[in-house]
Structures are given as C-alpha cells and as structure tokens.
PDB file of N, CA and C in Angstrom:
ATOM      1  N   MET A   1      13.765   4.404   2.898  1.00  0.00           N
ATOM      2  CA  MET A   1      12.611   5.091   2.415  1.00  0.00           C
ATOM      3  C   MET A   1      11.637   5.245   3.579  1.00  0.00           C
ATOM      4  N   LEU A   2      10.953   6.349   3.604  1.00  0.00           N
ATOM      5  CA  LEU A   2       9.951   6.629   4.622  1.00  0.00           C
ATOM      6  C   LEU A   2       8.638   6.921   3.911  1.00  0.00           C
ATOM      7  N   ALA A   3       7.567   6.307   4.372  1.00  0.00           N
ATOM      8  CA  ALA A   3       6.265   6.518   3.748  1.00  0.00           C
ATOM      9  C   ALA A   3       5.186   6.537   4.813  1.00  0.00           C
ATOM     10  N   ILE A   4       4.156   7.305   4.545  1.00  0.00           N
ATOM     11  CA  ILE A   4       2.957   7.291   5.384  1.00  0.00           C
ATOM     12  C   ILE A   4       1.906   6.537   4.584  1.00  0.00           C
ATOM     13  N   ILE A   5       1.511   5.376   5.112  1.00  0.00           N
ATOM     14  CA  ILE A   5       0.541   4.534   4.414  1.00  0.00           C
ATOM     15  C   ILE A   5      -0.533   4.084   5.397  1.00  0.00           C
ATOM     16  N   PRO A   6      -1.716   3.781   4.894  1.00  0.00           N
ATOM     17  CA  PRO A   6      -2.761   3.259   5.778  1.00  0.00           C
ATOM     18  C   PRO A   6      -2.323   1.941   6.414  1.00  0.00           C
ATOM     19  N   SER A   7      -2.839   1.672   7.591  1.00  0.00           N
ATOM     20  CA  SER A   7      -2.451   0.442   8.293  1.00  0.00           C
ATOM     21  C   SER A   7      -2.821  -0.800   7.489  1.00  0.00           C
ATOM     22  N   ARG A   8      -3.893  -0.732   6.704  1.00  0.00           N
ATOM     23  CA  ARG A   8      -4.256  -1.882   5.867  1.00  0.00           C
ATOM     24  C   ARG A   8      -3.167  -2.166   4.832  1.00  0.00           C
ATOM     25  N   PHE A   9      -2.562  -1.101   4.277  1.00  0.00           N
ATOM     26  CA  PHE A   9      -1.441  -1.304   3.349  1.00  0.00           C
ATOM     27  C   PHE A   9      -0.263  -1.911   4.082  1.00  0.00           C
ATOM     28  N   TYR A  10       0.007  -1.391   5.283  1.00  0.00           N
ATOM     29  CA  TYR A  10       1.128  -1.936   6.059  1.00  0.00           C
ATOM     30  C   TYR A  10       0.919  -3.429   6.315  1.00  0.00           C
ATOM     31  N   ASN A  11      -0.256  -3.788   6.769  1.00  0.00           N
ATOM     32  CA  ASN A  11      -0.544  -5.197   7.059  1.00  0.00           C
ATOM     33  C   ASN A  11      -0.412  -6.062   5.808  1.00  0.00           C
ATOM     34  N   LEU A  12      -0.820  -5.525   4.688  1.00  0.00           N
ATOM     35  CA  LEU A  12      -0.758  -6.261   3.436  1.00  0.00           C
ATOM     36  C   LEU A  12       0.683  -6.426   2.949  1.00  0.00           C
ATOM     37  N   PHE A  13       1.434  -5.331   2.908  1.00  0.00           N
ATOM     38  CA  PHE A  13       2.771  -5.364   2.318  1.00  0.00           C
ATOM     39  C   PHE A  13       3.849  -5.839   3.273  1.00  0.00           C
ATOM     40  N   SER A  14       3.579  -5.838   4.568  1.00  0.00           N
ATOM     41  CA  SER A  14       4.597  -6.328   5.504  1.00  0.00           C
ATOM     42  C   SER A  14       4.782  -7.839   5.376  1.00  0.00           C
ATOM     43  N   ARG A  15       3.854  -8.494   4.710  1.00  0.00           N
ATOM     44  CA  ARG A  15       4.019  -9.926   4.429  1.00  0.00           C
ATOM     45  C   ARG A  15       5.048 -10.159   3.324  1.00  0.00           C
ATOM     46  N   CYS A  16       5.250  -9.142   2.493  1.00  0.00           N
ATOM     47  CA  CYS A  16       6.162  -9.273   1.344  1.00  0.00           C
ATOM     48  C   CYS A  16       7.517  -8.619   1.584  1.00  0.00           C
ATOM     49  N   TRP A  17       7.536  -7.524   2.320  1.00  0.00           N
ATOM     50  CA  TRP A  17       8.762  -6.760   2.534  1.00  0.00           C
ATOM     51  C   TRP A  17       8.979  -6.528   4.024  1.00  0.00           C
ATOM     52  N   PRO A  18      10.220  -6.389   4.444  1.00  0.00           N
ATOM     53  CA  PRO A  18      10.510  -6.174   5.874  1.00  0.00           C
ATOM     54  C   PRO A  18      10.232  -4.722   6.291  1.00  0.00           C
ATOM     55  N   LEU A  19       8.979  -4.378   6.445  1.00  0.00           N
ATOM     56  CA  LEU A  19       8.588  -3.019   6.829  1.00  0.00           C
ATOM     57  C   LEU A  19       8.640  -2.866   8.345  1.00  0.00           C
ATOM     58  N   GLU A  20       8.824  -1.635   8.780  1.00  0.00           N
ATOM     59  CA  GLU A  20       8.799  -1.329  10.211  1.00  0.00           C
ATOM     60  C   GLU A  20       7.848  -0.175  10.453  1.00  0.00           C
ATOM     61  N   LYS A  21       7.155  -0.222  11.589  1.00  0.00           N
ATOM     62  CA  LYS A  21       6.271   0.873  11.995  1.00  0.00           C
ATOM     63  C   LYS A  21       7.038   1.828  12.889  1.00  0.00           C
ATOM     64  N   LEU A  22       6.821   3.110  12.669  1.00  0.00           N
ATOM     65  CA  LEU A  22       7.353   4.139  13.552  1.00  0.00           C
ATOM     66  C   LEU A  22       6.161   4.828  14.199  1.00  0.00           C
ATOM     67  N   PRO A  23       6.124   4.920  15.516  1.00  0.00           N
ATOM     68  CA  PRO A  23       4.987   5.578  16.166  1.00  0.00           C
ATOM     69  C   PRO A  23       4.926   7.059  15.786  1.00  0.00           C
ATOM     70  N   PHE A  24       3.759   7.499  15.411  1.00  0.00           N
ATOM     71  CA  PHE A  24       3.542   8.899  15.051  1.00  0.00           C
ATOM     72  C   PHE A  24       2.142   9.264  15.527  1.00  0.00           C
ATOM     73  N   PRO A  25       2.008   9.604  16.821  1.00  0.00           N
ATOM     74  CA  PRO A  25       0.690   9.769  17.450  1.00  0.00           C
ATOM     75  C   PRO A  25      -0.261  10.726  16.737  1.00  0.00           C
ATOM     76  N   SER A  26       0.251  11.763  16.104  1.00  0.00           N
ATOM     77  CA  SER A  26      -0.658  12.734  15.494  1.00  0.00           C
ATOM     78  C   SER A  26      -1.427  12.156  14.306  1.00  0.00           C
ATOM     79  N   LEU A  27      -0.978  11.032  13.761  1.00  0.00           N
ATOM     80  CA  LEU A  27      -1.699  10.416  12.642  1.00  0.00           C
ATOM     81  C   LEU A  27      -2.488   9.177  13.037  1.00  0.00           C
ATOM     82  N   ASN A  28      -2.418   8.774  14.267  1.00  0.00           N
ATOM     83  CA  ASN A  28      -3.075   7.530  14.675  1.00  0.00           C
ATOM     84  C   ASN A  28      -4.573   7.520  14.412  1.00  0.00           C
ATOM     85  N   GLU A  29      -5.229   8.637  14.572  1.00  0.00           N
ATOM     86  CA  GLU A  29      -6.681   8.694  14.410  1.00  0.00           C
ATOM     87  C   GLU A  29      -7.108   9.316  13.088  1.00  0.00           C
ATOM     88  N   GLU A  30      -6.166   9.654  12.227  1.00  0.00           N
ATOM     89  CA  GLU A  30      -6.502  10.273  10.946  1.00  0.00           C
ATOM     90  C   GLU A  30      -7.176   9.272  10.018  1.00  0.00           C
ATOM     91  N   GLN A  31      -8.134   9.738   9.270  1.00  0.00           N
ATOM     92  CA  GLN A  31      -8.762   8.955   8.208  1.00  0.00           C
ATOM     93  C   GLN A  31      -8.333   9.587   6.885  1.00  0.00           C
ATOM     94  N   ILE A  32      -7.697   8.804   6.039  1.00  0.00           N
ATOM     95  CA  ILE A  32      -7.158   9.329   4.791  1.00  0.00           C
ATOM     96  C   ILE A  32      -7.767   8.554   3.629  1.00  0.00           C
ATOM     97  N   ASP A  33      -8.334   9.287   2.673  1.00  0.00           N
ATOM     98  CA  ASP A  33      -8.803   8.657   1.440  1.00  0.00           C
ATOM     99  C   ASP A  33      -7.608   8.481   0.517  1.00  0.00           C
ATOM    100  N   PHE A  34      -7.617   7.428  -0.249  1.00  0.00           N
ATOM    101  CA  PHE A  34      -6.519   7.210  -1.178  1.00  0.00           C
ATOM    102  C   PHE A  34      -7.057   6.602  -2.459  1.00  0.00           C
ATOM    103  N   SER A  35      -6.245   6.694  -3.488  1.00  0.00           N
ATOM    104  CA  SER A  35      -6.592   6.073  -4.763  1.00  0.00           C
ATOM    105  C   SER A  35      -5.316   5.550  -5.402  1.00  0.00           C
ATOM    106  N   ILE A  36      -5.476   4.654  -6.321  1.00  0.00           N
ATOM    107  CA  ILE A  36      -4.332   4.109  -7.036  1.00  0.00           C
ATOM    108  C   ILE A  36      -4.510   4.454  -8.515  1.00  0.00           C
ATOM    109  N   HIS A  37      -3.466   4.999  -9.101  1.00  0.00           N
ATOM    110  CA  HIS A  37      -3.485   5.385 -10.511  1.00  0.00           C
ATOM    111  C   HIS A  37      -2.383   4.624 -11.231  1.00  0.00           C
ATOM    112  N   TYR A  38      -2.702   4.057 -12.338  1.00  0.00           N
ATOM    113  CA  TYR A  38      -1.715   3.345 -13.147  1.00  0.00           C
ATOM    114  C   TYR A  38      -2.221   3.320 -14.583  1.00  0.00           C
ATOM    115  N   ASN A  39      -1.298   3.139 -15.512  1.00  0.00           N
ATOM    116  CA  ASN A  39      -1.731   3.039 -16.902  1.00  0.00           C
ATOM    117  C   ASN A  39      -1.834   1.575 -17.305  1.00  0.00           C
ATOM    118  N   LYS A  40      -2.482   1.323 -18.415  1.00  0.00           N
ATOM    119  CA  LYS A  40      -2.747  -0.063 -18.814  1.00  0.00           C
ATOM    120  C   LYS A  40      -1.468  -0.837 -19.107  1.00  0.00           C
ATOM    121  N   PHE A  41      -0.381  -0.150 -19.451  1.00  0.00           N
ATOM    122  CA  PHE A  41       0.876  -0.842 -19.715  1.00  0.00           C
ATOM    123  C   PHE A  41       1.520  -1.366 -18.433  1.00  0.00           C
ATOM    124  N   SER A  42       1.136  -0.821 -17.299  1.00  0.00           N
ATOM    125  CA  SER A  42       1.651  -1.318 -16.020  1.00  0.00           C
ATOM    126  C   SER A  42       1.243  -2.764 -15.792  1.00  0.00           C
ATOM    127  N   LEU A  43       0.122  -3.155 -16.343  1.00  0.00           N
ATOM    128  CA  LEU A  43      -0.369  -4.517 -16.144  1.00  0.00           C
ATOM    129  C   LEU A  43       0.437  -5.546 -16.933  1.00  0.00           C
ATOM    130  N   ARG A  44       1.332  -5.081 -17.801  1.00  0.00           N
ATOM    131  CA  ARG A  44       2.199  -6.008 -18.543  1.00  0.00           C
ATOM    132  C   ARG A  44       3.344  -6.528 -17.680  1.00  0.00           C
ATOM    133  N   ASP A  45       3.680  -5.793 -16.624  1.00  0.00           N
ATOM    134  CA  ASP A  45       4.726  -6.233 -15.700  1.00  0.00           C
ATOM    135  C   ASP A  45       4.074  -7.184 -14.703  1.00  0.00           C
ATOM    136  N   PRO A  46       4.496  -8.447 -14.667  1.00  0.00           N
ATOM    137  CA  PRO A  46       3.805  -9.417 -13.802  1.00  0.00           C
ATOM    138  C   PRO A  46       3.862  -9.082 -12.316  1.00  0.00           C
ATOM    139  N   ILE A  47       4.955  -8.511 -11.847  1.00  0.00           N
ATOM    140  CA  ILE A  47       5.055  -8.161 -10.425  1.00  0.00           C
ATOM    141  C   ILE A  47       4.122  -7.004 -10.103  1.00  0.00           C
ATOM    142  N   LEU A  48       4.176  -5.958 -10.915  1.00  0.00           N
ATOM    143  CA  LEU A  48       3.299  -4.807 -10.688  1.00  0.00           C
ATOM    144  C   LEU A  48       1.838  -5.211 -10.858  1.00  0.00           C
ATOM    145  N   HIS A  49       1.560  -6.057 -11.807  1.00  0.00           N
ATOM    146  CA  HIS A  49       0.195  -6.559 -12.006  1.00  0.00           C
ATOM    147  C   HIS A  49      -0.300  -7.268 -10.749  1.00  0.00           C
ATOM    148  N   GLY A  50       0.568  -8.069 -10.140  1.00  0.00           N
ATOM    149  CA  GLY A  50       0.200  -8.760  -8.903  1.00  0.00           C
ATOM    150  C   GLY A  50      -0.070  -7.802  -7.761  1.00  0.00           C
ATOM    151  N   VAL A  51       0.779  -6.778  -7.624  1.00  0.00           N
ATOM    152  CA  VAL A  51       0.589  -5.776  -6.564  1.00  0.00           C
ATOM    153  C   VAL A  51      -0.727  -5.040  -6.770  1.00  0.00           C
ATOM    154  N   ILE A  52      -1.002  -4.632  -7.999  1.00  0.00           N
ATOM    155  CA  ILE A  52      -2.248  -3.917  -8.296  1.00  0.00           C
ATOM    156  C   ILE A  52      -3.455  -4.803  -7.991  1.00  0.00           C
ATOM    157  N   ASP A  53      -3.397  -6.062  -8.369  1.00  0.00           N
ATOM    158  CA  ASP A  53      -4.509  -6.981  -8.081  1.00  0.00           C
ATOM    159  C   ASP A  53      -4.742  -7.146  -6.584  1.00  0.00           C
ATOM    160  N   VAL A  54      -3.667  -7.297  -5.832  1.00  0.00           N
ATOM    161  CA  VAL A  54      -3.799  -7.462  -4.382  1.00  0.00           C
ATOM    162  C   VAL A  54      -4.439  -6.226  -3.764  1.00  0.00           C
ATOM    163  N   ILE A  55      -3.990  -5.050  -4.172  1.00  0.00           N
ATOM    164  CA  ILE A  55      -4.556  -3.802  -3.636  1.00  0.00           C
ATOM    165  C   ILE A  55      -6.031  -3.697  -4.001  1.00  0.00           C
ATOM    166  N   ARG A  56      -6.361  -3.932  -5.247  1.00  0.00           N
ATOM    167  CA  ARG A  56      -7.757  -3.813  -5.679  1.00  0.00           C
ATOM    168  C   ARG A  56      -8.657  -4.807  -4.955  1.00  0.00           C
ATOM    169  N   ASN A  57      -8.187  -6.011  -4.747  1.00  0.00           N
ATOM    170  CA  ASN A  57      -9.000  -7.027  -4.064  1.00  0.00           C
ATOM    171  C   ASN A  57      -9.126  -6.768  -2.567  1.00  0.00           C
ATOM    172  N   ALA A  58      -8.113  -6.149  -1.980  1.00  0.00           N
ATOM    173  CA  ALA A  58      -8.132  -5.903  -0.535  1.00  0.00           C
ATOM    174  C   ALA A  58      -9.051  -4.748  -0.160  1.00  0.00           C
ATOM    175  N   PHE A  59      -9.284  -3.836  -1.087  1.00  0.00           N
ATOM    176  CA  PHE A  59     -10.063  -2.652  -0.754  1.00  0.00           C
ATOM    177  C   PHE A  59     -11.292  -2.563  -1.618  1.00  0.00           C
TER     178      PHE A  59
END
C-alpha cells in the first residue's frame, strides 16, 4: 500500500506498523489540512476506537 500522510501521522503510526518513508521532494514543504470522519459505530471496535483516540489526542 502507498499513502501520502503527514509526518506526524508517520511518526505516530510507525510505532505500531513497519512503515517506510519514500523521499518525494515536491511534497516536503507542502502544508496539508486533514480531517478524520467516522461514524459512532466505529467506536464499538476496540482497535479502531484506540486508533481514533490516539489521532484525536495527538492533534
């Protein structure tokens, strides 16, 4: 899988999964706004609930 994510997400999730960085100079200085959308039933899954909590607390 290939994804473009903010470096804060990379730093956060690389502790949980074996992620790798690929250099992509044209995005190094980009500022990207992001949001997280989920429905209330997502919070019933303990793993997804944990991921959502970590993201919300980190940002």
